[in-house]
Structure formats: C-alpha cells, structure tokens
Amino acid sequence: MFDSETDFEEYGIFARTELLDRLDLRIDCGRGDPFERAVEALADEIDAEVHLEPGAHDAAYWTRVLPDQLAWLGDRVSAAGAQ
C-alpha cells in the first residue's frame, strides 16, 4: 500500500522495472479491473506474458484464471527441475 502518489512513483514497480528483466512473468488482468491501464502500461515496459480478458478484480475472475496460472507456473517449475 502506498501513502501517496509520490510514494507510488518512487517505490512502485514502474520505477524499478529493471528488477523484472531476468524473471519469467505472467500477468493476468480483467478488462473491468481498475488496474487495467496500469497493467497495460507495465506490459509495455517489461517482457511478460500478459492476459487481458473479460472480468473484474474479484473472486469470480481470479477463480476462473487460477487453473491457467497454476498450469503456467507448473510448466516453469517442471522445466527448472529438469535442468
């Protein structure tokens, strides 16, 4: 949580996207989510697999996308274990 817009700009991920460069990232966001614009802006700054689909920032959306998120994560864990 941020105390102000200044805190968000200074400590938010947009000020430190270089920290994400070496990570394999997936971002899920509903088209009705209040964070959609921020997610789109972040996706323009980093290399990530981005999924923007119908839905909002609620339990119904997260429940629906969870199986895909877990499959994505499982693929990466399996690949890391094979190395």
Protein backbone atom coordinates (compact mmCIF):
# COMPACT_ATOMS: atom_id res chain seq x y z
CA MET A 1 0.00 0.00 0.00
CA PHE A 2 1.24 3.46 -0.81
CA ASP A 3 0.66 6.60 1.23
CA SER A 4 0.58 8.91 -1.75
CA GLU A 5 1.08 9.18 -5.48
CA THR A 6 4.66 10.25 -4.75
CA ASP A 7 5.26 7.02 -2.80
CA PHE A 8 3.80 5.01 -5.68
CA GLU A 9 6.05 6.72 -8.20
CA GLU A 10 9.15 6.30 -6.04
CA TYR A 11 8.62 2.77 -4.73
CA GLY A 12 6.20 1.22 -7.22
CA ILE A 13 7.33 -1.26 -9.82
CA PHE A 14 7.32 1.32 -12.62
CA ALA A 15 10.34 2.96 -11.04
CA ARG A 16 12.21 -0.38 -10.91
CA THR A 17 11.22 -2.42 -13.95
CA GLU A 18 14.85 -3.46 -14.43
CA LEU A 19 14.40 -5.79 -11.44
CA LEU A 20 11.96 -7.81 -13.53
CA ASP A 21 14.22 -8.25 -16.57
CA ARG A 22 15.53 -11.68 -15.64
CA LEU A 23 12.21 -13.12 -14.47
CA ASP A 24 9.68 -15.15 -16.43
CA LEU A 25 6.46 -13.26 -15.78
CA ARG A 26 2.76 -13.78 -16.36
CA ILE A 27 0.26 -11.01 -15.72
CA ASP A 28 -3.48 -11.61 -15.65
CA CYS A 29 -5.94 -8.74 -15.53
CA GLY A 30 -9.63 -8.39 -16.22
CA ARG A 31 -10.82 -5.79 -18.69
CA GLY A 32 -13.10 -4.45 -15.95
CA ASP A 33 -10.28 -4.25 -13.40
CA PRO A 34 -9.45 -0.75 -12.12
CA PHE A 35 -5.76 -1.65 -12.60
CA GLU A 36 -6.14 -2.46 -16.31
CA ARG A 37 -4.47 0.73 -17.55
CA ALA A 38 -1.56 0.30 -15.15
CA VAL A 39 -1.15 -3.33 -16.25
CA GLU A 40 -1.14 -2.29 -19.91
CA ALA A 41 1.47 0.38 -19.18
CA LEU A 42 3.61 -2.11 -17.26
CA ALA A 43 3.32 -4.64 -20.08
CA ASP A 44 4.76 -2.03 -22.44
CA GLU A 45 7.80 -1.68 -20.16
CA ILE A 46 8.65 -5.32 -19.41
CA ASP A 47 8.83 -8.69 -21.09
CA ALA A 48 5.86 -10.62 -19.72
CA GLU A 49 3.13 -12.95 -20.87
CA VAL A 50 0.07 -10.73 -20.46
CA HIS A 51 -3.51 -11.97 -20.38
CA LEU A 52 -6.19 -9.28 -20.54
CA GLU A 53 -9.60 -10.91 -20.57
CA PRO A 54 -13.17 -10.09 -19.62
CA GLY A 55 -13.60 -9.83 -15.89
CA ALA A 56 -13.03 -7.60 -12.91
CA HIS A 57 -10.84 -7.51 -9.83
CA ASP A 58 -12.98 -10.01 -7.96
CA ALA A 59 -13.10 -13.61 -6.77
CA ALA A 60 -15.01 -14.79 -9.85
CA TYR A 61 -12.26 -13.57 -12.19
CA TRP A 62 -9.39 -14.95 -10.10
CA THR A 63 -11.15 -18.30 -9.66
CA ARG A 64 -11.60 -18.55 -13.43
CA VAL A 65 -7.97 -17.75 -14.32
CA LEU A 66 -6.35 -19.71 -11.47
CA PRO A 67 -6.14 -23.03 -13.37
CA ASP A 68 -4.26 -21.35 -16.23
CA GLN A 69 -1.97 -19.57 -13.78
CA LEU A 70 -1.17 -22.82 -11.97
CA ALA A 71 -0.52 -24.64 -15.26
CA TRP A 72 1.82 -21.83 -16.35
CA LEU A 73 3.65 -21.99 -13.02
CA GLY A 74 3.80 -25.79 -13.11
CA ASP A 75 5.42 -25.70 -16.57
CA ARG A 76 8.16 -23.43 -15.26
CA VAL A 77 8.74 -25.48 -12.10
CA SER A 78 8.98 -28.67 -14.19
CA ALA A 79 11.40 -27.04 -16.62
CA ALA A 80 13.56 -25.74 -13.75
CA GLY A 81 13.62 -29.21 -12.17
CA ALA A 82 14.74 -30.77 -15.43
CA GLN A 83 17.86 -28.60 -15.58
